[in-house]
Amino acid sequence: MRRDLADIRLAESVFAPHYAAPRAMVALREVLMRVGPQHDSEVIGSLGEGDLFETLELAGGNAWGKAPRIDLVGYVDADALGMA
């Protein structure tokens, strides 16, 4: 979770200044999931080719959202994702 943005599905239980509806995307290749948007941020998991990624924000070459298969929220390279 971030302090500035949350999934709209959490609106009744989490306060955030902004909410976003997730956009279903899929990993086009294996990609690392990180805690922060910087490429040297801690790696918390990875998506395999074809894995679903629920994108809540696209900015600066990164996508921030949730990977349902591994139940983690974080950043991945946006160019590794395609429309579901």
N, C-alpha and C. Protein backbone atom coordinates (compact mmCIF):
# COMPACT_ATOMS: atom_id res chain seq x y z
N MET A 1 0.83 -1.18 0.00
CA MET A 1 0.00 0.00 0.00
C MET A 1 0.88 1.25 0.00
N ARG A 2 0.37 2.29 -0.64
CA ARG A 2 1.04 3.59 -0.62
C ARG A 2 0.13 4.58 0.09
N ARG A 3 0.69 5.61 0.64
CA ARG A 3 -0.11 6.60 1.37
C ARG A 3 -0.93 7.49 0.43
N ASP A 4 -0.48 7.63 -0.82
CA ASP A 4 -1.13 8.55 -1.75
C ASP A 4 -2.13 7.89 -2.70
N LEU A 5 -2.12 6.58 -2.82
CA LEU A 5 -2.94 5.89 -3.80
C LEU A 5 -3.30 4.50 -3.31
N ALA A 6 -4.57 4.12 -3.51
CA ALA A 6 -5.03 2.79 -3.11
C ALA A 6 -5.99 2.25 -4.15
N ASP A 7 -6.14 0.96 -4.16
CA ASP A 7 -7.07 0.27 -5.04
C ASP A 7 -8.50 0.68 -4.64
N ILE A 8 -9.32 1.02 -5.62
CA ILE A 8 -10.70 1.43 -5.37
C ILE A 8 -11.48 0.36 -4.61
N ARG A 9 -11.09 -0.90 -4.77
CA ARG A 9 -11.78 -1.99 -4.07
C ARG A 9 -11.57 -1.93 -2.56
N LEU A 10 -10.60 -1.11 -2.11
CA LEU A 10 -10.31 -0.96 -0.68
C LEU A 10 -10.91 0.32 -0.09
N ALA A 11 -11.69 1.05 -0.86
CA ALA A 11 -12.18 2.37 -0.44
C ALA A 11 -12.97 2.34 0.87
N GLU A 12 -13.65 1.27 1.15
CA GLU A 12 -14.43 1.21 2.39
C GLU A 12 -13.59 0.87 3.61
N SER A 13 -12.36 0.40 3.39
CA SER A 13 -11.55 0.00 4.54
C SER A 13 -10.21 0.73 4.65
N VAL A 14 -9.80 1.45 3.60
CA VAL A 14 -8.51 2.14 3.60
C VAL A 14 -8.73 3.58 3.14
N PHE A 15 -8.17 4.55 3.89
CA PHE A 15 -8.26 5.94 3.46
C PHE A 15 -7.02 6.28 2.63
N ALA A 16 -7.25 6.91 1.50
CA ALA A 16 -6.16 7.41 0.66
C ALA A 16 -6.67 8.66 -0.06
N PRO A 17 -5.78 9.61 -0.37
CA PRO A 17 -6.21 10.80 -1.10
C PRO A 17 -6.75 10.48 -2.49
N HIS A 18 -6.25 9.38 -3.10
CA HIS A 18 -6.67 8.99 -4.43
C HIS A 18 -6.87 7.48 -4.49
N TYR A 19 -7.84 7.09 -5.31
CA TYR A 19 -8.11 5.67 -5.55
C TYR A 19 -8.04 5.42 -7.05
N ALA A 20 -7.66 4.22 -7.42
CA ALA A 20 -7.59 3.86 -8.83
C ALA A 20 -8.22 2.49 -9.03
N ALA A 21 -8.87 2.34 -10.18
CA ALA A 21 -9.39 1.03 -10.56
C ALA A 21 -8.27 0.26 -11.25
N PRO A 22 -8.05 -0.98 -10.87
CA PRO A 22 -6.95 -1.74 -11.46
C PRO A 22 -7.20 -2.04 -12.93
N ARG A 23 -6.12 -1.99 -13.71
CA ARG A 23 -6.15 -2.36 -15.13
C ARG A 23 -5.44 -3.71 -15.25
N ALA A 24 -6.15 -4.70 -15.75
CA ALA A 24 -5.56 -6.04 -15.89
C ALA A 24 -4.53 -6.05 -17.00
N MET A 25 -3.31 -6.42 -16.65
CA MET A 25 -2.23 -6.55 -17.60
C MET A 25 -1.55 -7.89 -17.35
N VAL A 26 -0.74 -8.32 -18.31
CA VAL A 26 -0.01 -9.59 -18.16
C VAL A 26 1.47 -9.35 -18.41
N ALA A 27 2.27 -10.15 -17.75
CA ALA A 27 3.72 -10.08 -17.95
C ALA A 27 4.05 -10.71 -19.31
N LEU A 28 4.80 -9.96 -20.13
CA LEU A 28 5.21 -10.45 -21.44
C LEU A 28 6.47 -11.30 -21.36
N ARG A 29 7.15 -11.18 -20.23
CA ARG A 29 8.39 -11.91 -19.96
C ARG A 29 8.55 -11.95 -18.45
N GLU A 30 9.50 -12.70 -17.97
CA GLU A 30 9.77 -12.69 -16.54
C GLU A 30 10.26 -11.31 -16.14
N VAL A 31 9.74 -10.79 -15.03
CA VAL A 31 10.11 -9.45 -14.58
C VAL A 31 10.15 -9.43 -13.06
N LEU A 32 11.13 -8.71 -12.52
CA LEU A 32 11.27 -8.58 -11.07
C LEU A 32 10.26 -7.57 -10.53
N MET A 33 9.77 -7.85 -9.33
CA MET A 33 8.87 -6.94 -8.62
C MET A 33 9.66 -6.33 -7.47
N ARG A 34 9.59 -5.01 -7.34
CA ARG A 34 10.41 -4.30 -6.38
C ARG A 34 9.56 -3.49 -5.41
N VAL A 35 10.17 -3.15 -4.27
CA VAL A 35 9.52 -2.34 -3.24
C VAL A 35 9.30 -0.90 -3.73
N GLY A 36 10.26 -0.37 -4.46
CA GLY A 36 10.20 1.01 -4.94
C GLY A 36 10.40 1.08 -6.44
N PRO A 37 10.25 2.28 -7.01
CA PRO A 37 10.37 2.43 -8.46
C PRO A 37 11.81 2.41 -8.98
N GLN A 38 12.80 2.59 -8.12
CA GLN A 38 14.19 2.60 -8.56
C GLN A 38 14.65 1.17 -8.88
N HIS A 39 15.50 1.05 -9.89
CA HIS A 39 15.96 -0.28 -10.30
C HIS A 39 16.86 -0.96 -9.27
N ASP A 40 17.34 -0.19 -8.29
CA ASP A 40 18.14 -0.81 -7.23
C ASP A 40 17.32 -1.04 -5.95
N SER A 41 15.99 -0.86 -6.04
CA SER A 41 15.12 -1.14 -4.89
C SER A 41 15.11 -2.64 -4.60
N GLU A 42 14.78 -2.96 -3.37
CA GLU A 42 14.72 -4.36 -2.93
C GLU A 42 13.75 -5.16 -3.79
N VAL A 43 14.18 -6.32 -4.23
CA VAL A 43 13.33 -7.24 -4.99
C VAL A 43 12.49 -8.03 -4.00
N ILE A 44 11.16 -8.05 -4.25
CA ILE A 44 10.26 -8.78 -3.35
C ILE A 44 9.63 -10.00 -4.00
N GLY A 45 9.80 -10.13 -5.30
CA GLY A 45 9.23 -11.27 -6.00
C GLY A 45 9.45 -11.13 -7.49
N SER A 46 8.81 -12.00 -8.24
CA SER A 46 8.91 -11.90 -9.70
C SER A 46 7.64 -12.42 -10.33
N LEU A 47 7.37 -11.91 -11.53
CA LEU A 47 6.25 -12.37 -12.33
C LEU A 47 6.81 -13.24 -13.45
N GLY A 48 6.13 -14.30 -13.75
CA GLY A 48 6.50 -15.13 -14.89
C GLY A 48 5.72 -14.70 -16.12
N GLU A 49 6.18 -15.08 -17.27
CA GLU A 49 5.47 -14.76 -18.51
C GLU A 49 4.02 -15.23 -18.41
N GLY A 50 3.09 -14.33 -18.70
CA GLY A 50 1.67 -14.65 -18.65
C GLY A 50 1.00 -14.37 -17.32
N ASP A 51 1.77 -14.05 -16.29
CA ASP A 51 1.17 -13.75 -14.97
C ASP A 51 0.37 -12.45 -15.02
N LEU A 52 -0.74 -12.44 -14.33
CA LEU A 52 -1.59 -11.26 -14.23
C LEU A 52 -0.94 -10.23 -13.31
N PHE A 53 -1.07 -8.94 -13.69
CA PHE A 53 -0.63 -7.83 -12.85
C PHE A 53 -1.72 -6.78 -12.90
N GLU A 54 -2.27 -6.43 -11.73
CA GLU A 54 -3.35 -5.44 -11.63
C GLU A 54 -2.71 -4.07 -11.46
N THR A 55 -2.56 -3.33 -12.55
CA THR A 55 -1.87 -2.04 -12.57
C THR A 55 -2.75 -0.93 -12.02
N LEU A 56 -2.22 -0.20 -11.05
CA LEU A 56 -2.92 0.94 -10.48
C LEU A 56 -2.31 2.28 -10.91
N GLU A 57 -1.03 2.25 -11.32
CA GLU A 57 -0.38 3.47 -11.79
C GLU A 57 0.74 3.12 -12.77
N LEU A 58 0.83 3.90 -13.83
CA LEU A 58 1.94 3.83 -14.78
C LEU A 58 2.63 5.18 -14.76
N ALA A 59 3.91 5.21 -14.40
CA ALA A 59 4.66 6.47 -14.34
C ALA A 59 6.15 6.18 -14.38
N GLY A 60 6.90 7.02 -15.10
CA GLY A 60 8.35 6.91 -15.11
C GLY A 60 8.90 5.58 -15.56
N GLY A 61 8.19 4.90 -16.47
CA GLY A 61 8.66 3.61 -16.94
C GLY A 61 8.34 2.44 -16.03
N ASN A 62 7.60 2.72 -14.95
CA ASN A 62 7.23 1.69 -13.99
C ASN A 62 5.72 1.53 -13.92
N ALA A 63 5.31 0.35 -13.51
CA ALA A 63 3.90 0.09 -13.19
C ALA A 63 3.85 -0.29 -11.72
N TRP A 64 2.90 0.30 -11.01
CA TRP A 64 2.70 -0.04 -9.60
C TRP A 64 1.36 -0.73 -9.48
N GLY A 65 1.32 -1.85 -8.76
CA GLY A 65 0.08 -2.57 -8.60
C GLY A 65 0.27 -3.87 -7.85
N LYS A 66 -0.68 -4.77 -8.07
CA LYS A 66 -0.71 -6.03 -7.33
C LYS A 66 -0.54 -7.22 -8.27
N ALA A 67 0.25 -8.18 -7.81
CA ALA A 67 0.41 -9.45 -8.50
C ALA A 67 -0.40 -10.49 -7.73
N PRO A 68 -1.61 -10.81 -8.19
CA PRO A 68 -2.48 -11.72 -7.43
C PRO A 68 -1.88 -13.10 -7.16
N ARG A 69 -1.13 -13.66 -8.11
CA ARG A 69 -0.59 -15.02 -7.93
C ARG A 69 0.33 -15.11 -6.71
N ILE A 70 1.12 -14.06 -6.50
CA ILE A 70 2.05 -14.07 -5.36
C ILE A 70 1.57 -13.17 -4.23
N ASP A 71 0.42 -12.55 -4.41
CA ASP A 71 -0.23 -11.71 -3.39
C ASP A 71 0.71 -10.62 -2.85
N LEU A 72 1.38 -9.91 -3.78
CA LEU A 72 2.28 -8.83 -3.40
C LEU A 72 1.94 -7.57 -4.17
N VAL A 73 2.23 -6.43 -3.56
CA VAL A 73 2.05 -5.12 -4.20
C VAL A 73 3.43 -4.51 -4.36
N GLY A 74 3.70 -3.98 -5.56
CA GLY A 74 4.99 -3.36 -5.80
C GLY A 74 5.11 -2.82 -7.21
N TYR A 75 6.35 -2.57 -7.60
CA TYR A 75 6.67 -1.97 -8.89
C TYR A 75 7.31 -2.98 -9.82
N VAL A 76 6.95 -2.90 -11.10
CA VAL A 76 7.60 -3.68 -12.15
C VAL A 76 7.88 -2.75 -13.32
N ASP A 77 8.80 -3.15 -14.19
CA ASP A 77 9.06 -2.38 -15.40
C ASP A 77 7.81 -2.41 -16.29
N ALA A 78 7.33 -1.23 -16.66
CA ALA A 78 6.10 -1.14 -17.46
C ALA A 78 6.26 -1.79 -18.83
N ASP A 79 7.47 -1.76 -19.40
CA ASP A 79 7.65 -2.34 -20.72
C ASP A 79 7.59 -3.86 -20.71
N ALA A 80 7.53 -4.46 -19.56
CA ALA A 80 7.40 -5.92 -19.44
C ALA A 80 5.93 -6.36 -19.40
N LEU A 81 5.01 -5.39 -19.48
CA LEU A 81 3.59 -5.70 -19.37
C LEU A 81 2.86 -5.41 -20.67
N GLY A 82 1.80 -6.17 -20.92
CA GLY A 82 0.91 -5.94 -22.04
C GLY A 82 -0.53 -6.05 -21.58
N MET A 83 -1.44 -5.62 -22.44
CA MET A 83 -2.85 -5.69 -22.07
C MET A 83 -3.30 -7.14 -21.95
N ALA A 84 -4.16 -7.38 -20.97
CA ALA A 84 -4.67 -8.74 -20.74
C ALA A 84 -5.73 -9.09 -21.77
